[in-house]
Protein backbone atom coordinates (compact mmCIF):
# COMPACT_ATOMS: atom_id res chain seq x y z
CA UNK A 1 43.61 27.48 4.29
CA UNK A 2 40.12 26.71 5.65
CA UNK A 3 38.60 26.96 2.17
CA UNK A 4 40.72 24.11 0.88
CA UNK A 5 38.44 21.09 0.37
CA UNK A 6 35.30 23.09 1.12
CA UNK A 7 34.66 24.11 -2.49
CA UNK A 8 32.54 21.05 -3.20
CA UNK A 9 30.57 21.05 0.05
CA UNK A 10 27.46 22.10 -1.86
CA UNK A 11 27.70 18.89 -3.90
CA UNK A 12 27.40 16.78 -0.76
CA UNK A 13 24.47 18.89 0.39
CA UNK A 14 22.80 18.47 -2.98
CA UNK A 15 23.32 14.70 -2.89
CA UNK A 16 21.91 14.54 0.65
CA UNK A 17 18.82 16.55 -0.30
CA UNK A 18 18.28 14.44 -3.45
CA UNK A 19 18.51 11.23 -1.39
CA UNK A 20 16.05 12.59 1.17
CA UNK A 21 13.57 13.56 -1.55
CA UNK A 22 13.96 10.17 -3.25
CA UNK A 23 13.41 8.35 0.06
CA UNK A 24 10.24 10.29 0.82
CA UNK A 25 9.00 9.66 -2.73
CA UNK A 26 9.61 5.90 -2.37
CA UNK A 27 7.76 5.75 0.93
CA UNK A 28 4.76 7.64 -0.47
CA UNK A 29 4.67 5.47 -3.61
CA UNK A 30 4.86 2.25 -1.64
CA UNK A 31 2.01 3.27 0.64
CA UNK A 32 -0.26 4.65 -2.08
CA UNK A 33 0.18 1.85 -4.63
CA UNK A 34 -0.66 -0.90 -2.19
CA UNK A 35 -4.34 -1.85 -2.54
CA UNK A 36 -6.32 -1.74 0.65
CA UNK A 37 -7.18 -5.37 1.23
CA UNK A 38 -9.46 -4.57 4.14
CA UNK A 39 -12.08 -3.05 1.81
CA UNK A 40 -14.14 -5.91 0.41
CA UNK A 41 -17.67 -6.01 -0.82
CA UNK A 42 -20.17 -8.09 1.13
CA UNK A 43 -20.45 -10.48 -1.80
CA UNK A 44 -16.68 -11.03 -1.83
CA UNK A 45 -16.75 -11.82 1.88
CA UNK A 46 -19.66 -14.20 1.35
CA UNK A 47 -17.82 -15.99 -1.47
CA UNK A 48 -14.73 -16.37 0.71
CA UNK A 49 -16.78 -17.83 3.56
CA UNK A 50 -18.38 -20.33 1.17
CA UNK A 51 -15.00 -21.24 -0.31
CA UNK A 52 -13.60 -21.90 3.18
CA UNK A 53 -16.57 -24.12 3.98
CA UNK A 54 -17.92 -21.91 6.74
CA UNK A 55 -21.39 -21.86 5.20
CA UNK A 56 -23.37 -24.36 3.12
CA UNK A 57 -24.60 -23.90 -0.45
CA UNK A 58 -28.15 -23.17 0.73
CA UNK A 59 -26.91 -20.59 3.23
CA UNK A 60 -24.74 -19.02 0.54
CA UNK A 61 -27.66 -18.77 -1.90
CA UNK A 62 -29.97 -17.33 0.76
CA UNK A 63 -27.42 -14.74 1.89
CA UNK A 64 -26.59 -13.84 -1.70
CA UNK A 65 -30.28 -13.23 -2.41
CA UNK A 66 -30.49 -11.08 0.73
CA UNK A 67 -27.67 -8.90 -0.56
CA UNK A 68 -29.45 -8.15 -3.83
């Protein structure tokens, strides 16, 4: 009488394991496919500063020449 209803217990275990694997896969994919925005070249940073108006055109040109 205890075996009644227990015959498909492995199906639930299989579904649980598949969901766990899928969840881990999604987390890894989300973290690895996201570009690291904190890694910028010095020239990119300089261009952003100029675009925001933090530095003048002459300062930008001088700093850009220094980077080369």
